[in-house]
C-alpha atoms as a PDB file:
ATOM      1  CA  MET A   1      27.859  22.175 150.498  1.00  0.00           C
ATOM      2  CA  ARG A   2      26.381  25.257 148.211  1.00  0.00           C
ATOM      3  CA  ARG A   3      28.580  24.898 145.222  1.00  0.00           C
ATOM      4  CA  ASN A   4      28.439  21.137 145.187  1.00  0.00           C
ATOM      5  CA  VAL A   5      29.139  19.657 141.919  1.00  0.00           C
ATOM      6  CA  MET A   6      32.962  18.095 140.740  1.00  0.00           C
ATOM      7  CA  PHE A   7      34.333  16.826 137.588  1.00  0.00           C
ATOM      8  CA  SER A   8      36.678  14.117 137.734  1.00  0.00           C
ATOM      9  CA  GLY A   9      38.592  15.484 134.360  1.00  0.00           C
ATOM     10  CA  GLY A  10      37.945  14.678 130.967  1.00  0.00           C
ATOM     11  CA  ILE A  11      35.670  16.852 129.191  1.00  0.00           C
ATOM     12  CA  PRO A  12      35.459  16.688 125.138  1.00  0.00           C
ATOM     13  CA  ALA A  13      35.085  19.624 123.822  1.00  0.00           C
ATOM     14  CA  ASP A  14      37.490  22.271 121.114  1.00  0.00           C
ATOM     15  CA  GLY A  15      40.162  23.012 123.480  1.00  0.00           C
ATOM     16  CA  ALA A  16      40.367  24.718 126.557  1.00  0.00           C
ATOM     17  CA  GLU A  17      38.466  27.858 125.582  1.00  0.00           C
ATOM     18  CA  GLY A  18      35.698  25.166 124.403  1.00  0.00           C
ATOM     19  CA  VAL A  19      35.401  23.711 127.862  1.00  0.00           C
ATOM     20  CA  PHE A  20      35.581  26.546 130.039  1.00  0.00           C
ATOM     21  CA  SER A  21      32.911  27.988 127.651  1.00  0.00           C
ATOM     22  CA  LEU A  22      30.703  24.807 128.168  1.00  0.00           C
ATOM     23  CA  LEU A  23      30.927  25.031 131.795  1.00  0.00           C
ATOM     24  CA  ALA A  24      30.121  28.175 131.547  1.00  0.00           C
ATOM     25  CA  ASP A  25      26.599  27.738 129.960  1.00  0.00           C
ATOM     26  CA  THR A  26      25.807  24.429 131.668  1.00  0.00           C
ATOM     27  CA  ILE A  27      27.590  24.371 135.321  1.00  0.00           C
ATOM     28  CA  GLY A  28      27.942  27.976 136.021  1.00  0.00           C
ATOM     29  CA  ASN A  29      28.461  28.461 139.945  1.00  0.00           C
ATOM     30  CA  ARG A  30      27.943  25.110 140.802  1.00  0.00           C
ATOM     31  CA  ALA A  31      31.269  23.978 141.222  1.00  0.00           C
ATOM     32  CA  LEU A  32      34.446  24.865 143.497  1.00  0.00           C
ATOM     33  CA  SER A  33      36.641  23.717 140.643  1.00  0.00           C
ATOM     34  CA  TRP A  34      37.218  23.665 136.634  1.00  0.00           C
ATOM     35  CA  PRO A  35      39.413  21.193 134.854  1.00  0.00           C
ATOM     36  CA  ASP A  36      40.670  22.201 131.397  1.00  0.00           C
ATOM     37  CA  GLY A  37      39.025  19.131 129.792  1.00  0.00           C
ATOM     38  CA  GLU A  38      42.538  17.215 129.050  1.00  0.00           C
ATOM     39  CA  THR A  39      41.830  18.085 125.489  1.00  0.00           C
ATOM     40  CA  ASP A  40      45.343  18.074 124.249  1.00  0.00           C
ATOM     41  CA  VAL A  41      47.381  14.121 123.028  1.00  0.00           C
ATOM     42  CA  GLU A  42      49.088  13.623 125.922  1.00  0.00           C
ATOM     43  CA  ARG A  43      46.420  13.938 128.752  1.00  0.00           C
ATOM     44  CA  ARG A  44      43.654  12.883 126.146  1.00  0.00           C
ATOM     45  CA  GLY A  45      41.112   9.747 127.706  1.00  0.00           C
ATOM     46  CA  TRP A  46      43.335  10.189 131.157  1.00  0.00           C
ATOM     47  CA  ILE A  47      45.983   8.061 130.124  1.00  0.00           C
ATOM     48  CA  THR A  48      45.634   6.637 126.647  1.00  0.00           C
ATOM     49  CA  ALA A  49      48.852   8.468 125.615  1.00  0.00           C
ATOM     50  CA  VAL A  50      51.179   8.436 128.617  1.00  0.00           C
ATOM     51  CA  ASN A  51      53.046   5.172 127.547  1.00  0.00           C
ATOM     52  CA  ASN A  52      53.690   6.102 123.781  1.00  0.00           C
ATOM     53  CA  HIS A  53      54.090   9.650 124.450  1.00  0.00           C
ATOM     54  CA  VAL A  54      55.823   9.831 128.158  1.00  0.00           C
ATOM     55  CA  LEU A  55      57.360   6.591 128.655  1.00  0.00           C
ATOM     56  CA  ALA A  56      58.108   4.723 125.412  1.00  0.00           C
ATOM     57  CA  THR A  57      60.300   7.880 124.602  1.00  0.00           C
ATOM     58  CA  ALA A  58      62.237   7.936 127.974  1.00  0.00           C
ATOM     59  CA  PRO A  59      65.866   7.092 127.107  1.00  0.00           C
ATOM     60  CA  CYS A  60      65.600   5.302 130.590  1.00  0.00           C
ATOM     61  CA  PHE A  61      63.375   2.574 128.713  1.00  0.00           C
ATOM     62  CA  GLU A  62      62.923   0.322 126.155  1.00  0.00           C
ATOM     63  CA  GLU A  63      60.234  -2.028 124.446  1.00  0.00           C
ATOM     64  CA  ALA A  64      60.433  -5.436 125.941  1.00  0.00           C
ATOM     65  CA  PRO A  65      59.011  -8.534 124.073  1.00  0.00           C
ATOM     66  CA  ARG A  66      55.298  -8.756 125.677  1.00  0.00           C
ATOM     67  CA  ASP A  67      52.099  -8.815 124.596  1.00  0.00           C
ATOM     68  CA  LEU A  68      49.694  -5.975 125.708  1.00  0.00           C
ATOM     69  CA  SER A  69      47.078  -6.776 123.148  1.00  0.00           C
ATOM     70  CA  GLN A  70      44.361  -8.223 125.948  1.00  0.00           C
ATOM     71  CA  PRO A  71      41.748  -8.514 126.442  1.00  0.00           C
ATOM     72  CA  GLU A  72      40.373  -8.724 123.083  1.00  0.00           C
ATOM     73  CA  GLY A  73      39.631  -5.299 121.747  1.00  0.00           C
ATOM     74  CA  HIS A  74      40.887  -3.341 124.510  1.00  0.00           C
ATOM     75  CA  ARG A  75      42.070  -0.078 124.347  1.00  0.00           C
ATOM     76  CA  TYR A  76      45.617  -0.143 125.779  1.00  0.00           C
ATOM     77  CA  GLN A  77      46.259  -2.907 122.652  1.00  0.00           C
ATOM     78  CA  GLN A  78      47.860  -0.088 120.666  1.00  0.00           C
ATOM     79  CA  TRP A  79      50.278   0.170 123.913  1.00  0.00           C
ATOM     80  CA  LYS A  80      54.238  -0.642 124.102  1.00  0.00           C
ATOM     81  CA  SER A  81      55.686  -2.835 126.587  1.00  0.00           C
ATOM     82  CA  LEU A  82      58.174  -1.658 128.192  1.00  0.00           C
ATOM     83  CA  ARG A  83      61.199  -2.342 130.753  1.00  0.00           C
ATOM     84  CA  ILE A  84      63.905  -0.775 132.319  1.00  0.00           C
ATOM     85  CA  ARG A  85      67.425  -0.654 130.135  1.00  0.00           C
ATOM     86  CA  PRO A  86      69.880  -2.089 131.509  1.00  0.00           C
ATOM     87  CA  GLY A  87      72.097  -0.177 133.580  1.00  0.00           C
ATOM     88  CA  ALA A  88      69.833   2.840 133.059  1.00  0.00           C
ATOM     89  CA  THR A  89      68.855   5.454 135.570  1.00  0.00           C
ATOM     90  CA  VAL A  90      64.645   5.741 135.876  1.00  0.00           C
ATOM     91  CA  ASP A  91      64.061   9.863 136.206  1.00  0.00           C
ATOM     92  CA  LEU A  92      61.281  11.026 134.177  1.00  0.00           C
ATOM     93  CA  ARG A  93      61.088  14.197 135.773  1.00  0.00           C
ATOM     94  CA  GLY A  94      60.252  17.215 133.349  1.00  0.00           C
ATOM     95  CA  ARG A  95      58.704  14.518 130.783  1.00  0.00           C
ATOM     96  CA  LEU A  96      55.144  14.678 132.050  1.00  0.00           C
ATOM     97  CA  PRO A  97      52.979  17.009 130.326  1.00  0.00           C
ATOM     98  CA  TYR A  98      51.033  18.336 133.322  1.00  0.00           C
ATOM     99  CA  ALA A  99      52.875  21.430 134.439  1.00  0.00           C
ATOM    100  CA  SER A 100      53.220  22.656 131.113  1.00  0.00           C
ATOM    101  CA  GLU A 101      49.383  22.279 130.083  1.00  0.00           C
ATOM    102  CA  ALA A 102      48.017  23.767 132.681  1.00  0.00           C
ATOM    103  CA  ILE A 103      49.922  26.548 132.981  1.00  0.00           C
ATOM    104  CA  GLU A 104      48.683  27.236 129.307  1.00  0.00           C
ATOM    105  CA  SER A 105      45.211  26.596 130.554  1.00  0.00           C
ATOM    106  CA  TYR A 106      45.661  28.480 133.638  1.00  0.00           C
ATOM    107  CA  ARG A 107      45.916  31.480 131.549  1.00  0.00           C
ATOM    108  CA  LEU A 108      43.140  31.109 129.733  1.00  0.00           C
ATOM    109  CA  PHE A 109      40.693  30.256 132.996  1.00  0.00           C
ATOM    110  CA  LYS A 110      42.161  33.695 134.467  1.00  0.00           C
ATOM    111  CA  ARG A 111      41.388  35.656 130.964  1.00  0.00           C
ATOM    112  CA  MET A 112      37.833  34.289 131.173  1.00  0.00           C
ATOM    113  CA  GLN A 113      37.885  34.524 135.097  1.00  0.00           C
ATOM    114  CA  VAL A 114      38.293  38.188 134.620  1.00  0.00           C
ATOM    115  CA  ALA A 115      36.035  38.580 131.659  1.00  0.00           C
ATOM    116  CA  GLY A 116      33.080  37.366 134.031  1.00  0.00           C
ATOM    117  CA  ARG A 117      32.631  33.701 132.375  1.00  0.00           C
ATOM    118  CA  ILE A 118      34.001  32.079 134.898  1.00  0.00           C
ATOM    119  CA  PRO A 119      32.875  32.261 138.627  1.00  0.00           C
ATOM    120  CA  GLU A 120      34.651  34.303 141.139  1.00  0.00           C
ATOM    121  CA  GLY A 121      36.214  31.726 143.531  1.00  0.00           C
ATOM    122  CA  THR A 122      36.684  28.944 140.967  1.00  0.00           C
ATOM    123  CA  ARG A 123      40.017  27.242 141.388  1.00  0.00           C
ATOM    124  CA  PHE A 124      41.850  25.443 138.182  1.00  0.00           C
ATOM    125  CA  GLN A 125      41.930  22.163 139.001  1.00  0.00           C
ATOM    126  CA  CYS A 126      44.588  19.737 137.170  1.00  0.00           C
ATOM    127  CA  SER A 127      43.857  15.371 137.466  1.00  0.00           C
ATOM    128  CA  ILE A 128      46.859  13.514 137.927  1.00  0.00           C
ATOM    129  CA  PRO A 129      46.944   9.509 137.441  1.00  0.00           C
ATOM    130  CA  GLY A 130      48.005   7.569 140.355  1.00  0.00           C
ATOM    131  CA  ALA A 131      51.205   5.869 139.785  1.00  0.00           C
ATOM    132  CA  HIS A 132      49.486   2.100 139.537  1.00  0.00           C
ATOM    133  CA  ASP A 133      47.737   3.129 136.966  1.00  0.00           C
ATOM    134  CA  VAL A 134      50.691   4.417 134.565  1.00  0.00           C
ATOM    135  CA  VAL A 135      53.029   1.605 135.927  1.00  0.00           C
ATOM    136  CA  SER A 136      51.023  -1.591 135.993  1.00  0.00           C
ATOM    137  CA  ILE A 137      49.561  -1.207 132.204  1.00  0.00           C
ATOM    138  CA  SER A 138      53.000  -0.511 130.808  1.00  0.00           C
ATOM    139  CA  PHE A 139      55.408  -2.998 132.665  1.00  0.00           C
ATOM    140  CA  ALA A 140      55.060  -6.149 132.300  1.00  0.00           C
ATOM    141  CA  GLU A 141      58.150  -7.308 135.025  1.00  0.00           C
ATOM    142  CA  VAL A 142      56.050  -6.500 138.214  1.00  0.00           C
ATOM    143  CA  THR A 143      59.766  -6.497 139.609  1.00  0.00           C
ATOM    144  CA  GLU A 144      60.664  -3.191 137.932  1.00  0.00           C
ATOM    145  CA  TRP A 145      57.270  -1.395 138.968  1.00  0.00           C
ATOM    146  CA  PRO A 146      58.295  -0.234 142.645  1.00  0.00           C
ATOM    147  CA  VAL A 147      61.396   1.848 140.968  1.00  0.00           C
ATOM    148  CA  VAL A 148      59.068   2.954 138.461  1.00  0.00           C
ATOM    149  CA  ILE A 149      56.209   4.158 141.050  1.00  0.00           C
ATOM    150  CA  GLU A 150      58.623   6.070 142.942  1.00  0.00           C
ATOM    151  CA  ALA A 151      60.235   7.660 139.395  1.00  0.00           C
ATOM    152  CA  TRP A 152      56.576   8.412 138.343  1.00  0.00           C
ATOM    153  CA  GLN A 153      55.761  10.039 141.416  1.00  0.00           C
ATOM    154  CA  GLN A 154      59.172  12.113 141.775  1.00  0.00           C
ATOM    155  CA  ALA A 155      58.131  13.509 138.335  1.00  0.00           C
ATOM    156  CA  VAL A 156      54.851  14.481 139.797  1.00  0.00           C
ATOM    157  CA  GLN A 157      56.266  16.186 142.499  1.00  0.00           C
ATOM    158  CA  GLU A 158      58.228  18.319 140.312  1.00  0.00           C
ATOM    159  CA  GLU A 159      55.388  19.359 137.736  1.00  0.00           C
ATOM    160  CA  TYR A 160      53.968  20.666 141.070  1.00  0.00           C
ATOM    161  CA  GLN A 161      56.350  22.532 141.475  1.00  0.00           C
ATOM    162  CA  ARG A 162      56.403  23.871 138.089  1.00  0.00           C
ATOM    163  CA  MET A 163      52.709  24.591 138.482  1.00  0.00           C
ATOM    164  CA  LEU A 164      53.210  26.636 141.318  1.00  0.00           C
ATOM    165  CA  GLU A 165      56.087  29.101 140.110  1.00  0.00           C
ATOM    166  CA  VAL A 166      52.522  30.371 138.028  1.00  0.00           C
ATOM    167  CA  ILE A 167      49.774  29.372 139.482  1.00  0.00           C
ATOM    168  CA  PRO A 168      48.733  31.010 143.165  1.00  0.00           C
ATOM    169  CA  ALA A 169      48.403  27.677 145.776  1.00  0.00           C
ATOM    170  CA  ASP A 170      45.120  29.509 146.619  1.00  0.00           C
ATOM    171  CA  GLU A 171      43.646  29.304 142.838  1.00  0.00           C
ATOM    172  CA  LEU A 172      45.097  25.735 142.386  1.00  0.00           C
ATOM    173  CA  CYS A 173      43.075  21.743 142.270  1.00  0.00           C
ATOM    174  CA  ILE A 174      45.572  18.870 142.053  1.00  0.00           C
ATOM    175  CA  GLN A 175      43.065  15.989 142.203  1.00  0.00           C
ATOM    176  CA  ILE A 176      44.620  12.121 142.011  1.00  0.00           C
ATOM    177  CA  ASP A 177      42.960   9.715 139.885  1.00  0.00           C
ATOM    178  CA  PHE A 178      42.839   6.774 141.754  1.00  0.00           C
ATOM    179  CA  CYS A 179      41.692   3.763 139.689  1.00  0.00           C
ATOM    180  CA  THR A 180      43.686   0.682 138.880  1.00  0.00           C
ATOM    181  CA  GLU A 181      44.658   0.504 142.228  1.00  0.00           C
ATOM    182  CA  MET A 182      41.316  -0.072 143.186  1.00  0.00           C
ATOM    183  CA  ILE A 183      40.392  -2.563 140.370  1.00  0.00           C
ATOM    184  CA  HIS A 184      43.680  -4.838 141.550  1.00  0.00           C
ATOM    185  CA  ILE A 185      42.544  -4.239 144.637  1.00  0.00           C
ATOM    186  CA  GLY A 186      39.420  -6.075 143.716  1.00  0.00           C
ATOM    187  CA  GLY A 187      40.407  -8.687 141.844  1.00  0.00           C
ATOM    188  CA  THR A 188      39.802  -7.963 138.469  1.00  0.00           C
ATOM    189  CA  TRP A 189      43.159  -6.294 137.155  1.00  0.00           C
ATOM    190  CA  ALA A 190      44.768  -9.586 137.992  1.00  0.00           C
ATOM    191  CA  LYS A 191      41.925 -11.144 135.499  1.00  0.00           C
ATOM    192  CA  LEU A 192      42.083  -8.923 132.661  1.00  0.00           C
ATOM    193  CA  LEU A 193      46.174  -8.661 132.568  1.00  0.00           C
ATOM    194  CA  ASP A 194      48.204 -11.824 132.905  1.00  0.00           C
ATOM    195  CA  TRP A 195      51.163  -9.830 134.063  1.00  0.00           C
ATOM    196  CA  VAL A 196      49.145  -8.500 137.141  1.00  0.00           C
ATOM    197  CA  PRO A 197      49.707 -10.202 140.264  1.00  0.00           C
ATOM    198  CA  ASP A 198      46.545 -11.865 141.646  1.00  0.00           C
ATOM    199  CA  LEU A 199      47.664 -11.440 145.722  1.00  0.00           C
ATOM    200  CA  PRO A 200      45.162 -11.161 148.620  1.00  0.00           C
ATOM    201  CA  GLU A 201      43.103  -7.881 149.287  1.00  0.00           C
ATOM    202  CA  ASN A 202      44.317  -7.028 152.400  1.00  0.00           C
ATOM    203  CA  GLU A 203      47.966  -6.941 151.051  1.00  0.00           C
ATOM    204  CA  LEU A 204      47.067  -5.013 147.649  1.00  0.00           C
ATOM    205  CA  PHE A 205      45.055  -2.383 150.059  1.00  0.00           C
ATOM    206  CA  ALA A 206      47.624  -2.261 152.788  1.00  0.00           C
ATOM    207  CA  GLN A 207      50.270  -1.446 149.909  1.00  0.00           C
ATOM    208  CA  TYR A 208      48.378   1.148 147.844  1.00  0.00           C
ATOM    209  CA  THR A 209      47.150   3.038 150.934  1.00  0.00           C
ATOM    210  CA  SER A 210      50.596   3.139 152.989  1.00  0.00           C
ATOM    211  CA  SER A 211      51.651   6.136 153.588  1.00  0.00           C
ATOM    212  CA  ASP A 212      54.416   6.367 151.106  1.00  0.00           C
ATOM    213  CA  TYR A 213      52.161   5.571 147.912  1.00  0.00           C
ATOM    214  CA  ILE A 214      50.078   7.997 149.121  1.00  0.00           C
ATOM    215  CA  GLN A 215      52.337  10.693 150.084  1.00  0.00           C
ATOM    216  CA  GLY A 216      54.408  10.178 147.114  1.00  0.00           C
ATOM    217  CA  HIS A 217      51.421  11.655 145.279  1.00  0.00           C
ATOM    218  CA  LEU A 218      51.382  14.572 147.420  1.00  0.00           C
ATOM    219  CA  ALA A 219      54.709  15.599 148.486  1.00  0.00           C
ATOM    220  CA  GLY A 220      55.460  19.033 148.047  1.00  0.00           C
ATOM    221  CA  LEU A 221      51.447  20.597 147.728  1.00  0.00           C
ATOM    222  CA  PRO A 222      51.153  23.691 150.552  1.00  0.00           C
ATOM    223  CA  ASP A 223      48.155  23.279 152.437  1.00  0.00           C
ATOM    224  CA  ARG A 224      46.305  26.338 150.257  1.00  0.00           C
ATOM    225  CA  VAL A 225      46.208  23.738 147.507  1.00  0.00           C
ATOM    226  CA  ARG A 226      43.395  21.749 147.329  1.00  0.00           C
ATOM    227  CA  ILE A 227      43.702  18.194 147.027  1.00  0.00           C
ATOM    228  CA  GLY A 228      40.985  15.626 146.057  1.00  0.00           C
ATOM    229  CA  PHE A 229      40.851  11.889 145.222  1.00  0.00           C
ATOM    230  CA  HIS A 230      38.613  10.440 142.380  1.00  0.00           C
ATOM    231  CA  ILE A 231      38.226   7.025 143.520  1.00  0.00           C
ATOM    232  CA  CYS A 232      37.063   5.218 140.074  1.00  0.00           C
ATOM    233  CA  CYS A 233      36.251   1.119 139.175  1.00  0.00           C
ATOM    234  CA  GLY A 234      37.216   2.028 135.873  1.00  0.00           C
ATOM    235  CA  THR A 235      35.799   2.493 132.577  1.00  0.00           C
ATOM    236  CA  SER A 236      37.560   0.689 129.454  1.00  0.00           C
ATOM    237  CA  PRO A 237      37.039  -2.077 127.906  1.00  0.00           C
ATOM    238  CA  SER A 238      33.060  -1.213 129.289  1.00  0.00           C
ATOM    239  CA  TYR A 239      31.608   0.266 132.656  1.00  0.00           C
ATOM    240  CA  PRO A 240      32.696  -0.545 135.233  1.00  0.00           C
ATOM    241  CA  VAL A 241      35.650  -2.239 134.961  1.00  0.00           C
ATOM    242  CA  LEU A 242      35.282  -3.454 138.870  1.00  0.00           C
ATOM    243  CA  PRO A 243      31.645  -4.066 139.774  1.00  0.00           C
ATOM    244  CA  LEU A 244      30.570  -3.128 143.287  1.00  0.00           C
ATOM    245  CA  ALA A 245      27.865  -4.851 144.842  1.00  0.00           C
ATOM    246  CA  ASP A 246      28.164  -1.246 147.361  1.00  0.00           C
ATOM    247  CA  ILE A 247      30.278   1.113 148.445  1.00  0.00           C
ATOM    248  CA  ASP A 248      32.350  -0.386 151.391  1.00  0.00           C
ATOM    249  CA  LEU A 249      35.509  -0.461 149.179  1.00  0.00           C
ATOM    250  CA  PRO A 250      35.393   2.893 148.323  1.00  0.00           C
ATOM    251  CA  VAL A 251      34.443   4.130 151.623  1.00  0.00           C
ATOM    252  CA  ARG A 252      37.325   2.098 153.423  1.00  0.00           C
ATOM    253  CA  LEU A 253      39.781   3.367 150.346  1.00  0.00           C
ATOM    254  CA  SER A 254      39.111   6.712 151.335  1.00  0.00           C
ATOM    255  CA  THR A 255      38.873   6.671 155.177  1.00  0.00           C
ATOM    256  CA  SER A 256      42.543   4.825 155.002  1.00  0.00           C
ATOM    257  CA  ILE A 257      43.772   7.452 151.975  1.00  0.00           C
ATOM    258  CA  GLN A 258      42.920  10.276 154.343  1.00  0.00           C
ATOM    259  CA  ARG A 259      44.617   8.346 157.516  1.00  0.00           C
ATOM    260  CA  ALA A 260      47.893   7.763 154.905  1.00  0.00           C
ATOM    261  CA  SER A 261      47.610  11.660 153.913  1.00  0.00           C
ATOM    262  CA  GLY A 262      47.597  13.139 157.624  1.00  0.00           C
ATOM    263  CA  ASN A 263      43.821  14.088 156.511  1.00  0.00           C
ATOM    264  CA  ALA A 264      45.325  16.693 153.857  1.00  0.00           C
ATOM    265  CA  VAL A 265      42.889  15.583 151.325  1.00  0.00           C
ATOM    266  CA  ASP A 266      39.732  18.167 150.917  1.00  0.00           C
ATOM    267  CA  TYR A 267      37.565  15.912 148.830  1.00  0.00           C
ATOM    268  CA  PHE A 268      36.881  11.990 147.565  1.00  0.00           C
ATOM    269  CA  HIS A 269      34.875  10.827 144.802  1.00  0.00           C
ATOM    270  CA  LEU A 270      33.339   7.891 144.900  1.00  0.00           C
ATOM    271  CA  PRO A 271      31.579   5.810 142.182  1.00  0.00           C
ATOM    272  CA  THR A 272      27.978   4.482 142.279  1.00  0.00           C
ATOM    273  CA  MET A 273      26.517   1.754 139.768  1.00  0.00           C
ATOM    274  CA  THR A 274      23.263   2.457 137.762  1.00  0.00           C
ATOM    275  CA  ASP A 275      21.605  -0.190 140.133  1.00  0.00           C
ATOM    276  CA  SER A 276      22.677   1.750 142.989  1.00  0.00           C
ATOM    277  CA  ASP A 277      19.966   1.705 145.653  1.00  0.00           C
ATOM    278  CA  GLU A 278      19.880   2.249 149.794  1.00  0.00           C
ATOM    279  CA  SER A 279      21.944  -1.143 150.753  1.00  0.00           C
ATOM    280  CA  TYR A 280      24.272  -0.095 147.600  1.00  0.00           C
ATOM    281  CA  PHE A 281      25.362   3.524 149.695  1.00  0.00           C
ATOM    282  CA  GLU A 282      24.483   1.835 153.695  1.00  0.00           C
ATOM    283  CA  PRO A 283      28.515   1.911 153.634  1.00  0.00           C
ATOM    284  CA  LEU A 284      28.861   5.543 153.881  1.00  0.00           C
ATOM    285  CA  SER A 285      27.780   5.886 157.369  1.00  0.00           C
ATOM    286  CA  ARG A 286      30.815   3.998 158.099  1.00  0.00           C
ATOM    287  CA  LEU A 287      33.039   6.450 156.431  1.00  0.00           C
ATOM    288  CA  ASP A 288      35.756   8.789 158.577  1.00  0.00           C
ATOM    289  CA  VAL A 289      37.576  10.966 156.507  1.00  0.00           C
ATOM    290  CA  ALA A 290      37.740  14.196 158.673  1.00  0.00           C
ATOM    291  CA  ASP A 291      36.552  17.041 157.316  1.00  0.00           C
ATOM    292  CA  ALA A 292      36.680  16.085 153.321  1.00  0.00           C
ATOM    293  CA  ASP A 293      34.079  16.981 150.713  1.00  0.00           C
ATOM    294  CA  ILE A 294      32.070  13.842 149.171  1.00  0.00           C
ATOM    295  CA  TYR A 295      31.433  13.477 145.987  1.00  0.00           C
ATOM    296  CA  LEU A 296      28.906  10.710 144.549  1.00  0.00           C
ATOM    297  CA  GLY A 297      29.185   9.735 140.978  1.00  0.00           C
ATOM    298  CA  VAL A 298      25.236   9.777 140.812  1.00  0.00           C
ATOM    299  CA  GLU A 299      25.288  11.155 137.247  1.00  0.00           C
ATOM    300  CA  CYS A 300      25.574   8.078 134.685  1.00  0.00           C
ATOM    301  CA  ASN A 301      24.162   8.652 131.707  1.00  0.00           C
ATOM    302  CA  ASP A 302      20.852   7.486 132.391  1.00  0.00           C
ATOM    303  CA  GLY A 303      18.986  10.876 132.740  1.00  0.00           C
ATOM    304  CA  LEU A 304      17.717  12.689 135.921  1.00  0.00           C
ATOM    305  CA  GLU A 305      15.274  10.988 137.119  1.00  0.00           C
ATOM    306  CA  ALA A 306      17.889   8.124 137.816  1.00  0.00           C
ATOM    307  CA  MET A 307      20.302  10.285 138.912  1.00  0.00           C
ATOM    308  CA  GLU A 308      17.928  12.062 141.678  1.00  0.00           C
ATOM    309  CA  ARG A 309      16.582   8.125 142.692  1.00  0.00           C
ATOM    310  CA  ARG A 310      20.057   7.717 143.406  1.00  0.00           C
ATOM    311  CA  ILE A 311      20.844  10.923 145.181  1.00  0.00           C
ATOM    312  CA  THR A 312      17.479  10.030 147.284  1.00  0.00           C
ATOM    313  CA  ALA A 313      19.127   6.595 147.946  1.00  0.00           C
ATOM    314  CA  ALA A 314      22.354   7.790 149.109  1.00  0.00           C
ATOM    315  CA  ARG A 315      21.153  10.699 151.503  1.00  0.00           C
ATOM    316  CA  PRO A 316      20.387   8.348 154.833  1.00  0.00           C
ATOM    317  CA  PHE A 317      23.639   7.501 155.231  1.00  0.00           C
ATOM    318  CA  LEU A 318      25.094  10.871 154.138  1.00  0.00           C
ATOM    319  CA  PRO A 319      23.159  13.622 154.171  1.00  0.00           C
ATOM    320  CA  ASP A 320      25.271  16.363 152.752  1.00  0.00           C
ATOM    321  CA  PHE A 321      27.266  15.350 149.464  1.00  0.00           C
ATOM    322  CA  GLY A 322      28.167  16.568 146.115  1.00  0.00           C
ATOM    323  CA  VAL A 323      27.529  15.296 143.165  1.00  0.00           C
ATOM    324  CA  SER A 324      29.310  13.898 140.041  1.00  0.00           C
ATOM    325  CA  HIS A 325      29.606  12.049 136.753  1.00  0.00           C
ATOM    326  CA  TYR A 326      30.419   8.184 137.459  1.00  0.00           C
ATOM    327  CA  CYS A 327      34.054   8.889 135.657  1.00  0.00           C
ATOM    328  CA  GLY A 328      35.396  11.331 132.568  1.00  0.00           C
ATOM    329  CA  TYR A 329      32.872  12.134 129.633  1.00  0.00           C
ATOM    330  CA  PHE A 330      35.548  11.827 127.296  1.00  0.00           C
ATOM    331  CA  TRP A 331      33.974   9.162 125.146  1.00  0.00           C
ATOM    332  CA  ASN A 332      30.196  11.769 125.356  1.00  0.00           C
ATOM    333  CA  LYS A 333      31.326  14.672 123.103  1.00  0.00           C
ATOM    334  CA  ALA A 334      28.195  14.668 120.918  1.00  0.00           C
ATOM    335  CA  ILE A 335      26.598  14.955 124.076  1.00  0.00           C
ATOM    336  CA  MET A 336      28.090  17.309 126.448  1.00  0.00           C
ATOM    337  CA  PRO A 337      25.632  19.911 126.895  1.00  0.00           C
ATOM    338  CA  GLU A 338      22.670  17.218 127.898  1.00  0.00           C
ATOM    339  CA  LEU A 339      25.101  15.433 130.244  1.00  0.00           C
ATOM    340  CA  LEU A 340      26.074  18.680 131.845  1.00  0.00           C
ATOM    341  CA  GLN A 341      22.780  20.008 131.923  1.00  0.00           C
ATOM    342  CA  THR A 342      21.291  17.028 133.963  1.00  0.00           C
ATOM    343  CA  LEU A 343      24.540  17.208 136.151  1.00  0.00           C
ATOM    344  CA  ALA A 344      23.575  20.785 136.769  1.00  0.00           C
ATOM    345  CA  GLU A 345      20.014  19.743 137.658  1.00  0.00           C
ATOM    346  CA  GLY A 346      20.398  17.090 139.842  1.00  0.00           C
ATOM    347  CA  ALA A 347      23.014  19.093 141.517  1.00  0.00           C
ATOM    348  CA  ASP A 348      20.184  21.931 142.227  1.00  0.00           C
ATOM    349  CA  PHE A 349      17.815  18.755 143.223  1.00  0.00           C
ATOM    350  CA  GLN A 350      20.353  17.624 146.067  1.00  0.00           C
ATOM    351  CA  THR A 351      20.662  21.208 147.382  1.00  0.00           C
ATOM    352  CA  ALA A 352      16.963  22.110 147.246  1.00  0.00           C
ATOM    353  CA  THR A 353      15.423  18.483 148.977  1.00  0.00           C
ATOM    354  CA  SER A 354      18.692  18.189 151.596  1.00  0.00           C
END
């Protein structure tokens, strides 16, 4: 994997131009796709503003008498608890920020690419939260989840069509952020949020890797669009929200998602822990994702030596993989150049020693 760096989305800088300039100065030709950093208000911090800016303003929803302020100090405590307004048709199409922001950033991206600042062949990347991520935090009435999940998927599909009117399919990368799905499956989400149902792992696993759920996030994307899944163990209120003894659950999720997608996924990002050793990575030997690329989140804010140690530990079970930060960078603006430099040097280490 020659261009072996992947970004999960959030990169703090002063707007899209600041992000692209930062990546040009540190990463260069090492990545297949560049995001704009998700620096606008509605996307900043993954889904931090979706509740108040997108959902709470939709006429089909109203505030519900429910306290979302748990656990203590959690960033979601400022969110509104919502429910479907009686008699309303749930429709979010045209309300999401992803297409309009992608189109604006892409135009800047192309200007910088023509100017030689962004390498030829680099795609523009847009990251989309999985429906469970958005719905499970905002809607305490679980019986409403299927309706809102479907509405989110339909709205996302419309966003794709709006993007593709401007961005050529072979220049676009769409990444699905699959986060609270895994945290729910792993048993942590129901402990953090008391309205989330504590169901058996196998039942939740089947639900969130079903063809209906996965295809609902991908419908309408032509083959030439590069599609990725960022399998995330969460970073808020602390990292990791779902501690992993090994990488088995992300491996099984990736394998099942690829099957449900009809082998449409081009890459998967799998998380690692700071103490990940060979025993952690051993399940990679059972990964079955057709010809999809794999990126491991081996850059964990603890320096190049630790990153190289994790790369070396993973290699016996998956010789060819790319590298990434374990999640988004959005809280690390002050040290972004150093983190990206570590990522670049770790990527070069993986290339040179593989």
